[in-house]
Amino acid sequence: MDSHHDEQHDGPPGEGLADELLRRALLDPEAAAAVALKIRGLALSDELTVIFHGRRDLGTIQTYVANGGHGEGEKLGARDLLRVPVDLDLGEAYSREEAQEAYAAQARTLRDALQAADTVLAIWEGPLRDVAESGVTLVRSVDLDVPLPAHRLMPIALVAPERQLTVVPVCGARTLSEGRPPMGIACAQQDVAHVYPLPDDPEAALEDFVARAADHARNMAGRLEAQERSVQRFLEINGPDELPATG
């Protein structure tokens, strides 16, 4: 694909070998190809680069998203690239022209999804600061310290460190030929996580999540207490007679 109707993109920067695919954005063009699509002017991210990467041995055109603008000649490591499971699907294109049109339409779909998620996350920043009653940090990283119930859409997240609360855009897996992927905002705190629809009111969503986290903490405390009591009772009926009893 040599052109894109709406966004600037760069073709394959050159030859090379990859260490487990993600050590470089591009591989040997005889076996693979990649196209970088730059998305600028975002509210929080400023600029993202989408990399569509196709390999014959994988049978898919996989999608990666990186922070910043990247183009011809650059090499990206595994920690720079977020794998996003919304892949190009050009299987219904039976000519070069049809493939170009399908690529342009699907690339626009992903661009629109990223712009929408970035805008919504920017709206969440203020309410998150109010609920957390502390500062909020914008984390630009592929790695997060908390598990999420859905796939990440972009390598950015809002984090309230004092509350250990993370807010991040997520999506469902699907091909871009099926349209914009299902998207949401995930709130995560330690071992509690919940996804809210993208248009949801952030204040209400955060209040709901805080209540969920509090309920989870109470339930966890109750389970731990019951486990300790269970072990104590077991030792009482099977251990020495002098083992102290609990109330």
Protein backbone atom coordinates (compact mmCIF):
# COMPACT_ATOMS: atom_id res chain seq x y z
CA MET A 1 0.00 0.00 0.00
CA ASP A 2 1.62 3.21 -1.17
CA SER A 3 -0.94 5.82 -0.22
CA HIS A 4 -3.38 6.82 2.45
CA HIS A 5 -6.11 9.36 1.82
CA ASP A 6 -6.13 11.13 5.21
CA GLU A 7 -2.90 10.56 7.13
CA GLN A 8 0.78 10.68 6.36
CA HIS A 9 2.49 7.29 6.37
CA ASP A 10 5.89 5.88 5.62
CA GLY A 11 6.76 2.76 3.75
CA PRO A 12 9.26 0.04 4.71
CA PRO A 13 12.51 1.65 5.91
CA GLY A 14 14.84 -1.16 4.87
CA GLU A 15 16.04 -4.66 5.36
CA GLY A 16 16.88 -6.45 8.58
CA LEU A 17 16.25 -9.39 10.82
CA ALA A 18 13.97 -9.34 13.86
CA ASP A 19 14.40 -10.72 17.34
CA GLU A 20 10.94 -12.15 18.09
CA LEU A 21 9.16 -9.77 15.72
CA LEU A 22 8.99 -6.75 18.02
CA ARG A 23 12.71 -5.95 18.16
CA ARG A 24 12.21 -3.99 14.97
CA ALA A 25 9.27 -2.33 13.35
CA LEU A 26 10.21 -3.77 9.98
CA LEU A 27 11.57 -7.10 8.84
CA ASP A 28 13.12 -8.34 5.62
CA PRO A 29 10.75 -6.99 2.94
CA GLU A 30 11.01 -10.28 1.08
CA ALA A 31 9.07 -11.95 3.90
CA ALA A 32 7.26 -9.05 5.53
CA ALA A 33 6.17 -5.45 5.14
CA ALA A 34 5.12 -2.66 7.46
CA VAL A 35 3.47 0.73 7.12
CA ALA A 36 3.64 3.48 9.73
CA LEU A 37 0.62 5.74 10.14
CA LYS A 38 1.24 8.89 12.18
CA ILE A 39 -1.64 10.41 14.14
CA ARG A 40 -0.97 13.94 15.37
CA GLY A 41 -2.74 16.60 17.41
CA LEU A 42 -4.13 14.31 20.12
CA ALA A 43 -5.35 15.76 23.41
CA LEU A 44 -3.21 13.61 25.72
CA SER A 45 -0.96 11.50 23.55
CA ASP A 46 0.15 14.42 21.33
CA GLU A 47 1.28 11.99 18.65
CA LEU A 48 1.00 8.25 18.08
CA THR A 49 2.38 5.96 15.40
CA VAL A 50 0.35 2.99 14.25
CA ILE A 51 2.36 0.21 12.62
CA PHE A 52 0.57 -2.30 10.42
CA HIS A 53 2.86 -5.30 10.09
CA GLY A 54 2.24 -8.17 7.68
CA ARG A 55 4.14 -11.45 7.60
CA ARG A 56 3.38 -14.37 5.34
CA ASP A 57 4.16 -16.91 8.05
CA LEU A 58 1.69 -15.29 10.48
CA GLY A 59 -1.15 -14.96 7.99
CA THR A 60 -2.32 -11.67 9.55
CA ILE A 61 -1.62 -7.96 9.23
CA GLN A 62 -1.02 -7.14 12.87
CA THR A 63 -1.42 -3.74 14.49
CA TYR A 64 0.96 -2.05 16.92
CA VAL A 65 0.78 1.42 18.47
CA ALA A 66 3.78 3.41 19.70
CA ASN A 67 4.07 6.76 21.45
CA GLY A 68 5.51 9.60 19.41
CA GLY A 69 6.16 9.93 15.70
CA HIS A 70 8.24 7.25 13.99
CA GLY A 71 9.04 6.76 10.37
CA GLU A 72 11.53 5.57 7.80
CA GLY A 73 14.81 4.21 9.09
CA GLU A 74 13.78 3.93 12.74
CA LYS A 75 14.01 0.74 14.76
CA LEU A 76 11.63 0.12 17.63
CA GLY A 77 12.08 -2.34 20.47
CA ALA A 78 9.50 -4.57 22.10
CA ARG A 79 8.97 -2.06 24.92
CA ASP A 80 8.06 0.62 22.37
CA LEU A 81 5.25 -1.28 20.66
CA LEU A 82 1.82 -2.10 22.07
CA ARG A 83 0.12 -4.98 20.29
CA VAL A 84 -3.49 -3.99 19.64
CA PRO A 85 -5.75 -6.83 18.37
CA VAL A 86 -7.57 -4.79 15.73
CA ASP A 87 -5.93 -5.98 12.55
CA LEU A 88 -6.24 -5.05 8.91
CA ASP A 89 -8.26 -7.46 6.78
CA LEU A 90 -7.82 -7.06 3.04
CA GLY A 91 -9.09 -10.54 2.19
CA GLU A 92 -12.08 -9.22 0.24
CA ALA A 93 -9.88 -7.08 -2.02
CA TYR A 94 -9.27 -8.72 -5.41
CA SER A 95 -7.12 -6.01 -6.97
CA ARG A 96 -4.47 -3.52 -5.93
CA GLU A 97 -6.98 -0.68 -6.21
CA GLU A 98 -9.52 -2.45 -3.99
CA ALA A 99 -6.79 -3.23 -1.47
CA GLN A 100 -5.73 0.44 -1.36
CA GLU A 101 -9.31 1.55 -0.78
CA ALA A 102 -9.86 -1.07 1.93
CA TYR A 103 -6.59 -0.15 3.64
CA ALA A 104 -7.45 3.57 3.61
CA ALA A 105 -10.92 2.95 5.04
CA GLN A 106 -9.68 0.61 7.76
CA ALA A 107 -6.79 2.88 8.70
CA ARG A 108 -9.28 5.75 9.08
CA THR A 109 -11.40 3.53 11.32
CA LEU A 110 -8.46 2.91 13.65
CA ARG A 111 -7.42 6.56 13.54
CA ASP A 112 -10.94 7.61 14.55
CA ALA A 113 -10.98 5.06 17.37
CA LEU A 114 -7.67 6.31 18.75
CA GLN A 115 -8.74 9.94 18.53
CA ALA A 116 -12.03 9.19 20.31
CA ALA A 117 -10.35 7.22 23.09
CA ASP A 118 -7.68 9.88 23.58
CA THR A 119 -10.31 12.62 23.81
CA VAL A 120 -12.39 10.69 26.34
CA LEU A 121 -9.34 9.89 28.46
CA ALA A 122 -8.49 13.60 28.55
CA ILE A 123 -12.01 14.28 29.88
CA TRP A 124 -11.45 11.71 32.64
CA GLU A 125 -8.29 13.42 33.94
CA GLY A 126 -10.08 16.09 35.99
CA PRO A 127 -12.66 13.77 37.60
CA LEU A 128 -9.93 11.26 38.41
CA ARG A 129 -7.94 13.96 40.18
CA ASP A 130 -11.04 14.97 42.17
CA VAL A 131 -11.93 11.42 43.20
CA ALA A 132 -8.35 10.45 44.04
CA GLU A 133 -7.81 13.77 45.84
CA SER A 134 -4.26 13.70 44.59
CA GLY A 135 -2.13 14.32 41.53
CA VAL A 136 -2.63 12.32 38.34
CA THR A 137 0.25 11.14 36.17
CA LEU A 138 0.11 10.43 32.45
CA VAL A 139 2.01 7.19 31.93
CA ARG A 140 3.34 6.58 28.42
CA SER A 141 4.27 2.92 28.56
CA VAL A 142 3.48 -0.43 27.01
CA ASP A 143 3.72 -2.05 30.46
CA LEU A 144 1.33 -1.51 33.37
CA ASP A 145 1.49 -2.86 36.92
CA VAL A 146 -2.17 -3.90 37.04
CA PRO A 147 -4.03 -6.62 35.12
CA LEU A 148 -6.82 -5.44 32.84
CA PRO A 149 -10.06 -7.21 31.80
CA ALA A 150 -9.68 -6.15 28.16
CA HIS A 151 -7.03 -5.31 25.56
CA ARG A 152 -5.35 -1.91 25.72
CA LEU A 153 -6.02 0.40 22.78
CA MET A 154 -3.10 2.80 23.18
CA PRO A 155 0.12 2.89 25.23
CA ILE A 156 -1.00 5.65 27.60
CA ALA A 157 -2.80 5.58 30.94
CA LEU A 158 -3.84 7.96 33.71
CA VAL A 159 -2.53 6.91 37.11
CA ALA A 160 -3.37 8.29 40.56
CA PRO A 161 -0.33 6.92 42.45
CA GLU A 162 -1.58 7.60 45.97
CA ARG A 163 -4.75 5.62 45.32
CA GLN A 164 -2.99 3.10 43.05
CA LEU A 165 -5.78 3.73 40.57
CA THR A 166 -5.20 3.31 36.84
CA VAL A 167 -7.52 4.49 34.06
CA VAL A 168 -6.79 3.28 30.53
CA PRO A 169 -8.58 2.97 27.16
CA VAL A 170 -9.38 -0.62 26.18
CA CYS A 171 -10.98 -2.39 23.25
CA GLY A 172 -12.33 -5.71 22.07
CA ALA A 173 -10.51 -7.85 19.52
CA ARG A 174 -11.82 -7.69 15.95
CA THR A 175 -10.66 -6.94 12.43
CA LEU A 176 -10.90 -3.38 11.16
CA SER A 177 -13.02 -4.61 8.24
CA GLU A 178 -15.79 -5.10 10.84
CA GLY A 179 -15.73 -1.42 11.74
CA ARG A 180 -14.65 0.43 14.85
CA PRO A 181 -13.82 -2.03 17.66
CA PRO A 182 -15.83 -2.05 20.89
CA MET A 183 -14.13 0.43 23.20
CA GLY A 184 -14.27 1.47 26.81
CA ILE A 185 -12.37 2.96 29.73
CA ALA A 186 -10.99 0.46 32.22
CA CYS A 187 -10.47 1.38 35.87
CA ALA A 188 -8.06 -0.87 37.73
CA GLN A 189 -6.79 -0.96 41.29
CA GLN A 190 -4.67 -3.88 42.46
CA ASP A 191 -6.87 -6.94 41.81
CA VAL A 192 -10.07 -5.02 41.01
CA ALA A 193 -10.93 -3.86 37.49
CA HIS A 194 -14.03 -2.82 35.58
CA VAL A 195 -14.69 -1.49 32.07
CA TYR A 196 -17.07 1.42 31.48
CA PRO A 197 -18.52 2.35 28.07
CA LEU A 198 -16.59 5.12 26.37
CA PRO A 199 -19.38 7.75 26.57
CA ASP A 200 -20.12 7.10 30.27
CA ASP A 201 -20.05 10.01 32.69
CA PRO A 202 -16.56 9.84 34.26
CA GLU A 203 -17.63 11.16 37.67
CA ALA A 204 -20.38 8.54 38.02
CA ALA A 205 -18.12 5.80 36.68
CA LEU A 206 -15.31 6.63 39.11
CA GLU A 207 -17.71 6.79 42.05
CA ASP A 208 -19.08 3.40 41.01
CA PHE A 209 -15.57 1.96 40.77
CA VAL A 210 -14.55 3.31 44.17
CA ALA A 211 -17.64 1.61 45.63
CA ARG A 212 -16.76 -1.64 43.82
CA ALA A 213 -13.19 -1.48 45.16
CA ALA A 214 -14.45 -0.87 48.71
CA ASP A 215 -16.87 -3.81 48.46
CA HIS A 216 -14.07 -6.01 47.14
CA ALA A 217 -11.79 -5.01 50.02
CA ARG A 218 -14.50 -5.83 52.57
CA ASN A 219 -15.23 -9.17 50.92
CA MET A 220 -11.55 -10.01 50.76
CA ALA A 221 -11.11 -9.17 54.45
CA GLY A 222 -14.08 -11.40 55.28
CA ARG A 223 -12.67 -14.29 53.23
CA LEU A 224 -9.25 -13.98 54.86
CA GLU A 225 -10.84 -13.97 58.31
CA ALA A 226 -12.89 -17.06 57.44
CA GLN A 227 -9.78 -18.83 56.11
CA GLU A 228 -7.84 -18.09 59.29
CA ARG A 229 -10.77 -19.31 61.38
CA SER A 230 -11.00 -22.48 59.30
CA VAL A 231 -7.33 -23.28 59.83
CA GLN A 232 -7.60 -22.52 63.54
CA ARG A 233 -10.59 -24.84 63.95
CA PHE A 234 -8.77 -27.59 62.02
CA LEU A 235 -5.77 -27.31 64.32
CA GLU A 236 -8.06 -27.31 67.37
CA ILE A 237 -9.66 -30.63 66.45
CA ASN A 238 -6.48 -32.31 65.21
CA GLY A 239 -3.66 -30.68 67.14
CA PRO A 240 -2.43 -30.73 70.75
CA ASP A 241 -5.01 -30.11 73.47
CA GLU A 242 -3.15 -27.03 74.68
CA LEU A 243 -3.59 -25.23 71.35
CA PRO A 244 -5.28 -21.92 72.16
CA ALA A 245 -8.82 -21.44 70.87
CA THR A 246 -10.17 -18.37 69.13
CA GLY A 247 -13.49 -16.61 69.59
